[in-house]
Amino acid sequence: MEPLLILALLVFAFLTYRYSKIFVRKDISAANKRLAIVFYLIAVSGLGAVVYFNV
């Protein structure tokens, strides 16, 4: 149980770091930023579901 939670937190931190770099860039259009937000939410929701059903 503990290793799964630690791994989930590391993956969450990595996803947040990667997507935050996309959000602050000026050369990416607003539509692509919205698409990145959608993919980020899907990834975080999937990660939460994996943790919820395995704990």
N, C-alpha and C. Protein backbone atom coordinates (compact mmCIF):
# COMPACT_ATOMS: atom_id res chain seq x y z
N MET A 1 0.82 -1.20 0.00
CA MET A 1 0.00 0.00 0.00
C MET A 1 0.86 1.26 0.00
N GLU A 2 1.86 1.31 0.86
CA GLU A 2 2.71 2.48 0.94
C GLU A 2 3.47 2.76 -0.36
N PRO A 3 4.11 1.74 -0.99
CA PRO A 3 4.84 2.04 -2.22
C PRO A 3 3.94 2.58 -3.33
N LEU A 4 2.69 2.10 -3.38
CA LEU A 4 1.77 2.58 -4.41
C LEU A 4 1.45 4.05 -4.20
N LEU A 5 1.24 4.46 -2.95
CA LEU A 5 0.95 5.86 -2.67
C LEU A 5 2.15 6.75 -2.98
N ILE A 6 3.34 6.28 -2.64
CA ILE A 6 4.54 7.06 -2.94
C ILE A 6 4.73 7.19 -4.44
N LEU A 7 4.54 6.09 -5.16
CA LEU A 7 4.65 6.13 -6.61
C LEU A 7 3.59 7.05 -7.22
N ALA A 8 2.38 7.01 -6.70
CA ALA A 8 1.31 7.88 -7.20
C ALA A 8 1.65 9.35 -6.96
N LEU A 9 2.21 9.67 -5.82
CA LEU A 9 2.60 11.06 -5.56
C LEU A 9 3.72 11.51 -6.48
N LEU A 10 4.67 10.61 -6.76
CA LEU A 10 5.75 10.96 -7.69
C LEU A 10 5.22 11.19 -9.10
N VAL A 11 4.30 10.33 -9.55
CA VAL A 11 3.72 10.50 -10.88
C VAL A 11 2.91 11.78 -10.94
N PHE A 12 2.16 12.08 -9.87
CA PHE A 12 1.38 13.32 -9.83
C PHE A 12 2.30 14.54 -9.90
N ALA A 13 3.40 14.51 -9.16
CA ALA A 13 4.35 15.62 -9.18
C ALA A 13 4.97 15.77 -10.57
N PHE A 14 5.30 14.65 -11.21
CA PHE A 14 5.88 14.71 -12.56
C PHE A 14 4.88 15.28 -13.56
N LEU A 15 3.63 14.82 -13.50
CA LEU A 15 2.61 15.34 -14.42
C LEU A 15 2.39 16.83 -14.20
N THR A 16 2.32 17.24 -12.95
CA THR A 16 2.11 18.65 -12.64
C THR A 16 3.27 19.49 -13.17
N TYR A 17 4.48 19.01 -12.99
CA TYR A 17 5.66 19.74 -13.48
C TYR A 17 5.64 19.86 -15.00
N ARG A 18 5.36 18.74 -15.68
CA ARG A 18 5.37 18.75 -17.15
C ARG A 18 4.28 19.68 -17.71
N TYR A 19 3.08 19.58 -17.15
CA TYR A 19 1.99 20.39 -17.68
C TYR A 19 2.11 21.84 -17.25
N SER A 20 2.72 22.14 -16.13
CA SER A 20 2.89 23.54 -15.73
C SER A 20 3.84 24.25 -16.68
N LYS A 21 4.81 23.51 -17.23
CA LYS A 21 5.70 24.12 -18.21
C LYS A 21 4.94 24.49 -19.49
N ILE A 22 3.93 23.69 -19.84
CA ILE A 22 3.12 23.99 -21.02
C ILE A 22 2.27 25.24 -20.78
N PHE A 23 1.71 25.35 -19.57
CA PHE A 23 0.77 26.44 -19.30
C PHE A 23 1.45 27.81 -19.28
N VAL A 24 2.72 27.89 -18.95
CA VAL A 24 3.37 29.19 -18.84
C VAL A 24 4.01 29.65 -20.15
N ARG A 25 4.10 28.77 -21.13
CA ARG A 25 4.72 29.17 -22.40
C ARG A 25 3.79 30.07 -23.19
N LYS A 26 4.37 31.09 -23.81
CA LYS A 26 3.58 32.07 -24.56
C LYS A 26 3.31 31.63 -26.00
N ASP A 27 4.15 30.75 -26.54
CA ASP A 27 4.03 30.40 -27.95
C ASP A 27 3.02 29.27 -28.21
N ILE A 28 2.34 28.81 -27.19
CA ILE A 28 1.34 27.75 -27.37
C ILE A 28 -0.04 28.40 -27.33
N SER A 29 -0.88 28.04 -28.28
CA SER A 29 -2.19 28.68 -28.40
C SER A 29 -3.10 28.29 -27.24
N ALA A 30 -4.16 29.08 -27.08
CA ALA A 30 -5.11 28.84 -25.99
C ALA A 30 -5.84 27.51 -26.18
N ALA A 31 -6.11 27.15 -27.43
CA ALA A 31 -6.80 25.88 -27.69
C ALA A 31 -5.93 24.70 -27.27
N ASN A 32 -4.64 24.78 -27.56
CA ASN A 32 -3.74 23.70 -27.17
C ASN A 32 -3.57 23.64 -25.66
N LYS A 33 -3.62 24.80 -25.00
CA LYS A 33 -3.54 24.81 -23.54
C LYS A 33 -4.79 24.17 -22.94
N ARG A 34 -5.95 24.43 -23.53
CA ARG A 34 -7.18 23.80 -23.05
C ARG A 34 -7.11 22.29 -23.24
N LEU A 35 -6.58 21.86 -24.37
CA LEU A 35 -6.42 20.43 -24.62
C LEU A 35 -5.45 19.81 -23.61
N ALA A 36 -4.39 20.53 -23.28
CA ALA A 36 -3.45 20.04 -22.29
C ALA A 36 -4.11 19.93 -20.92
N ILE A 37 -4.98 20.88 -20.59
CA ILE A 37 -5.70 20.82 -19.31
C ILE A 37 -6.59 19.58 -19.27
N VAL A 38 -7.27 19.29 -20.37
CA VAL A 38 -8.14 18.12 -20.43
C VAL A 38 -7.32 16.84 -20.23
N PHE A 39 -6.20 16.73 -20.93
CA PHE A 39 -5.36 15.53 -20.79
C PHE A 39 -4.78 15.43 -19.38
N TYR A 40 -4.43 16.57 -18.78
CA TYR A 40 -3.92 16.56 -17.42
C TYR A 40 -5.00 16.06 -16.45
N LEU A 41 -6.21 16.54 -16.60
CA LEU A 41 -7.30 16.10 -15.72
C LEU A 41 -7.61 14.62 -15.90
N ILE A 42 -7.57 14.14 -17.14
CA ILE A 42 -7.78 12.72 -17.39
C ILE A 42 -6.68 11.88 -16.74
N ALA A 43 -5.43 12.33 -16.88
CA ALA A 43 -4.31 11.58 -16.30
C ALA A 43 -4.40 11.55 -14.78
N VAL A 44 -4.71 12.69 -14.16
CA VAL A 44 -4.80 12.75 -12.70
C VAL A 44 -6.00 11.94 -12.22
N SER A 45 -7.11 11.98 -12.94
CA SER A 45 -8.28 11.19 -12.57
C SER A 45 -7.98 9.69 -12.67
N GLY A 46 -7.30 9.29 -13.72
CA GLY A 46 -6.91 7.89 -13.87
C GLY A 46 -5.98 7.46 -12.77
N LEU A 47 -5.04 8.31 -12.42
CA LEU A 47 -4.11 7.99 -11.33
C LEU A 47 -4.87 7.86 -10.01
N GLY A 48 -5.81 8.75 -9.78
CA GLY A 48 -6.62 8.68 -8.56
C GLY A 48 -7.46 7.41 -8.52
N ALA A 49 -8.00 7.02 -9.66
CA ALA A 49 -8.80 5.79 -9.70
C ALA A 49 -7.95 4.56 -9.43
N VAL A 50 -6.76 4.52 -9.97
CA VAL A 50 -5.85 3.39 -9.72
C VAL A 50 -5.54 3.29 -8.23
N VAL A 51 -5.23 4.43 -7.62
CA VAL A 51 -4.91 4.42 -6.20
C VAL A 51 -6.14 4.04 -5.38
N TYR A 52 -7.30 4.58 -5.72
CA TYR A 52 -8.52 4.31 -4.96
C TYR A 52 -8.90 2.83 -5.00
N PHE A 53 -8.80 2.21 -6.16
CA PHE A 53 -9.22 0.83 -6.28
C PHE A 53 -8.16 -0.17 -5.80
N ASN A 54 -6.93 0.29 -5.58
CA ASN A 54 -5.89 -0.62 -5.11
C ASN A 54 -5.57 -0.45 -3.62
N VAL A 55 -6.15 0.53 -2.99
CA VAL A 55 -5.86 0.76 -1.56
C VAL A 55 -7.01 0.25 -0.73
